[in-house]
Amino acid sequence: MLVGIDLGGTKIETAGFDAESPELTNIWRNRVATPDNYQSTLEVLSQQITAACTHCALPDDHPIGVGCPGCPNPKTGLIRNANSTWLNGQNLAQDLKIKTGHPVRLQNDANCFIRSEARDGAAKGFGSAFGVIIGTGCGGGVWLGTNLWPGASGIAGEWGHNSLPWPGPNETPGPSCWCGQQNCLESWLSGPGMLRHYQQEGGPAHSVEELARRALAGDQLEQSTLDQYANRLARGLAQMINLLDVEVIVLGGGLSNLPQIAERTERLIGQWVFSDASTVRIVQNHHGDSSGVRGAALLWANERPS
């Protein structure tokens, strides 16, 4: 049995999977809201671990995989770069082990996502892949051959805090980002960033889902908003292709469900890729909302802690 937790900006998802089944069959799943402070988050995560192990009849020292925003420093274990800022500077893996007794492995949520998709999802069979999460934030993970590539300091794939490339006159100097920089891709491509732009153009305070519904119904402002979003997404991903030249980009997170966003982006991206012809595939994820939590569970695949 493998147990994973996906700690998101708005929800925490916990799941147990049958490690013996080729398709990693889901045995148990639960979702709760994400608190807005560290101590409450630690408490809720502890409760979810207990619930999973009770339901699946697992021992008190069963290992747990956790995907979270940001990434742990490989030397100190302290989380950095999380848009859920109360996680920054905390050693979540160590604190959870102390609180629950369970060994914990922690990895960036986008890295967990591409781990799942490379195993048996939309990136399976490709030699290189970039996994993208566009939701509350904007993250990425790099898969090369048969392994995740975290980079020298664990931040490989953090494309959301590069500046929006090839900006137009109405995109500079751009919005301020929570990270302290200006015009970050996350400020445009995250859910809050997209809605901010939509409302600045005169749209009401809708959800992303309602915006997409109105666009499909033919509303002009909403269609224009989706067109501009796809254009910015294509520019941001073209920048990554010019650096990494991966074979496939897999889209995940809530905004990956926007109407035909993968197809739109793939059609546009060649304008900015530094090649005579762009061959990159841009595809929707295979495992849906469960891909991140699957990848977190896979952090302990084929081994037990010593």
Foldseek 3Di string as FASTA:
>chain_A
DFWFWEQDPFKIKIWQFDLPDLLRHTDDIDMDTADLADVVNLVVVLVRVVVHCVVVVHDQAAAYFYAAAAAAFPVPCAGPDGPSVNSGRDNSQVSNCVVRVYRYDYGHLQQLLVLLCCSPKDVPPFQKEKEWAAEQFTWIWIDGHNDTDLPPGRRPTGLQQDAQPPDDPVCPPADADPVGDHRGNRCCRHQVNLQVVLVVVPDDNDGPVVLLVVVVVPDDSSVVSLLVNLLSVLSSVLVVCLVVVGQEYEYAYDCLPRPCSQVSSVVNNVVRHPDPDRRHHYYYMGPHPCSSRNSRSCVQRPHDDD
